[in-house]
């Protein structure tokens, strides 16, 4: 970005189209986050380093959300009425969980099912 002055002597900011597009995208993302915080005040949030690990395919979404709320696999399993091995197997990709299992895990984390699936 560069600073410029118009004919009236007012300060202006000049940016490339790519910089403008990035700014608009960031503003849209911020608006979505703020609306989600209003719509779902009890839902957890995920630290950016965990979100990046999910996006990079290094961490299962269930593990990221579990870690976001400082739960162990055993804690989450107990809250969802499951065995700790089930949580471990889902996070490691060893099993494809049933819908009822996903519902229980999502409820325990106060999330939607779509948030915890790979």
Protein backbone atom coordinates (compact mmCIF):
# COMPACT_ATOMS: atom_id res chain seq x y z
CA UNK A 1 0.00 0.00 0.00
CA UNK A 2 1.09 3.53 -0.66
CA UNK A 3 -0.06 6.87 0.62
CA UNK A 4 -1.10 9.64 -1.73
CA UNK A 5 -2.79 13.03 -1.61
CA UNK A 6 -5.79 14.00 -3.74
CA UNK A 7 -6.34 17.44 -5.36
CA UNK A 8 -8.01 18.71 -2.17
CA UNK A 9 -4.93 17.76 -0.13
CA UNK A 10 -6.68 14.88 1.60
CA UNK A 11 -4.65 11.81 2.48
CA UNK A 12 -5.50 8.68 0.49
CA UNK A 13 -4.38 5.09 0.53
CA UNK A 14 -3.52 3.46 -2.81
CA UNK A 15 -3.41 -0.31 -3.09
CA UNK A 16 -3.28 -2.97 -5.72
CA UNK A 17 -6.35 -4.95 -6.71
CA UNK A 18 -4.87 -8.02 -4.98
CA UNK A 19 -4.38 -6.05 -1.74
CA UNK A 20 -7.96 -4.77 -1.97
CA UNK A 21 -9.34 -8.27 -2.61
CA UNK A 22 -7.40 -9.63 0.39
CA UNK A 23 -8.75 -6.82 2.57
CA UNK A 24 -12.35 -7.51 1.50
CA UNK A 25 -11.91 -11.26 2.06
CA UNK A 26 -10.47 -10.65 5.54
CA UNK A 27 -13.33 -8.31 6.41
CA UNK A 28 -15.84 -10.93 5.28
CA UNK A 29 -14.14 -13.60 7.37
CA UNK A 30 -14.17 -11.35 10.42
CA UNK A 31 -17.88 -10.65 9.92
CA UNK A 32 -18.62 -14.38 9.71
CA UNK A 33 -16.68 -15.08 12.91
CA UNK A 34 -18.46 -12.28 14.77
CA UNK A 35 -21.87 -13.51 13.61
CA UNK A 36 -21.03 -17.08 14.64
CA UNK A 37 -19.98 -15.83 18.08
CA UNK A 38 -23.37 -14.12 18.42
CA UNK A 39 -25.35 -17.08 17.07
CA UNK A 40 -23.46 -19.71 19.09
CA UNK A 41 -22.12 -18.06 22.25
CA UNK A 42 -21.44 -21.37 24.02
CA UNK A 43 -19.49 -22.94 21.15
CA UNK A 44 -15.74 -23.29 21.48
CA UNK A 45 -13.24 -21.54 19.26
CA UNK A 46 -10.14 -23.09 17.75
CA UNK A 47 -6.66 -21.56 17.99
CA UNK A 48 -5.14 -20.77 14.61
CA UNK A 49 -2.27 -23.25 14.97
CA UNK A 50 -4.75 -26.10 15.39
CA UNK A 51 -6.86 -24.85 12.47
CA UNK A 52 -3.75 -24.77 10.26
CA UNK A 53 -2.90 -28.34 11.27
CA UNK A 54 -6.41 -29.42 10.22
CA UNK A 55 -6.19 -27.54 6.90
CA UNK A 56 -2.76 -29.06 6.23
CA UNK A 57 -4.14 -32.55 6.87
CA UNK A 58 -1.84 -33.09 9.86
CA UNK A 59 -4.61 -33.27 12.47
CA UNK A 60 -8.12 -34.72 12.44
CA UNK A 61 -10.81 -32.07 13.07
CA UNK A 62 -12.10 -34.03 16.07
CA UNK A 63 -8.65 -33.95 17.67
CA UNK A 64 -8.29 -30.23 16.99
CA UNK A 65 -11.63 -29.40 18.60
CA UNK A 66 -10.92 -31.70 21.52
CA UNK A 67 -7.58 -30.01 22.12
CA UNK A 68 -9.22 -26.59 21.72
CA UNK A 69 -11.33 -27.25 24.79
CA UNK A 70 -8.46 -28.87 26.72
CA UNK A 71 -10.00 -32.34 26.83
CA UNK A 72 -8.17 -35.63 26.72
CA UNK A 73 -9.50 -38.47 24.60
CA UNK A 74 -10.71 -40.07 27.81
CA UNK A 75 -12.50 -36.86 28.86
CA UNK A 76 -14.27 -36.58 25.51
CA UNK A 77 -15.17 -40.25 25.48
CA UNK A 78 -16.71 -39.98 28.96
CA UNK A 79 -18.67 -36.86 27.99
CA UNK A 80 -19.98 -38.60 24.86
CA UNK A 81 -20.65 -41.96 26.53
CA UNK A 82 -18.02 -43.75 24.42
CA UNK A 83 -14.86 -45.74 24.96
CA UNK A 84 -11.57 -43.79 24.79
CA UNK A 85 -10.36 -46.25 22.14
CA UNK A 86 -13.24 -45.14 19.91
CA UNK A 87 -12.14 -41.51 20.07
CA UNK A 88 -8.55 -42.55 19.40
CA UNK A 89 -9.55 -44.70 16.42
CA UNK A 90 -11.62 -41.88 14.89
CA UNK A 91 -8.85 -39.32 15.33
CA UNK A 92 -6.28 -41.65 13.79
CA UNK A 93 -8.57 -42.50 10.87
CA UNK A 94 -8.75 -46.19 11.76
CA UNK A 95 -12.55 -46.25 11.81
CA UNK A 96 -15.38 -44.47 10.07
CA UNK A 97 -17.77 -43.67 12.93
CA UNK A 98 -21.49 -44.19 12.96
CA UNK A 99 -23.77 -41.19 12.79
CA UNK A 100 -24.89 -41.78 16.38
CA UNK A 101 -21.26 -41.67 17.52
CA UNK A 102 -20.66 -38.42 15.63
CA UNK A 103 -23.80 -36.93 17.19
CA UNK A 104 -22.61 -37.82 20.69
CA UNK A 105 -19.14 -36.37 20.08
CA UNK A 106 -20.49 -33.18 18.51
CA UNK A 107 -22.93 -32.69 21.37
CA UNK A 108 -20.16 -33.19 23.95
CA UNK A 109 -18.09 -30.52 22.18
CA UNK A 110 -21.09 -28.21 21.57
CA UNK A 111 -20.49 -28.34 17.81
CA UNK A 112 -22.21 -29.49 14.68
CA UNK A 113 -21.34 -32.86 13.19
CA UNK A 114 -19.91 -31.14 10.12
CA UNK A 115 -17.28 -29.49 12.36
CA UNK A 116 -15.74 -32.76 13.53
CA UNK A 117 -15.66 -34.90 10.39
CA UNK A 118 -12.66 -35.29 8.14
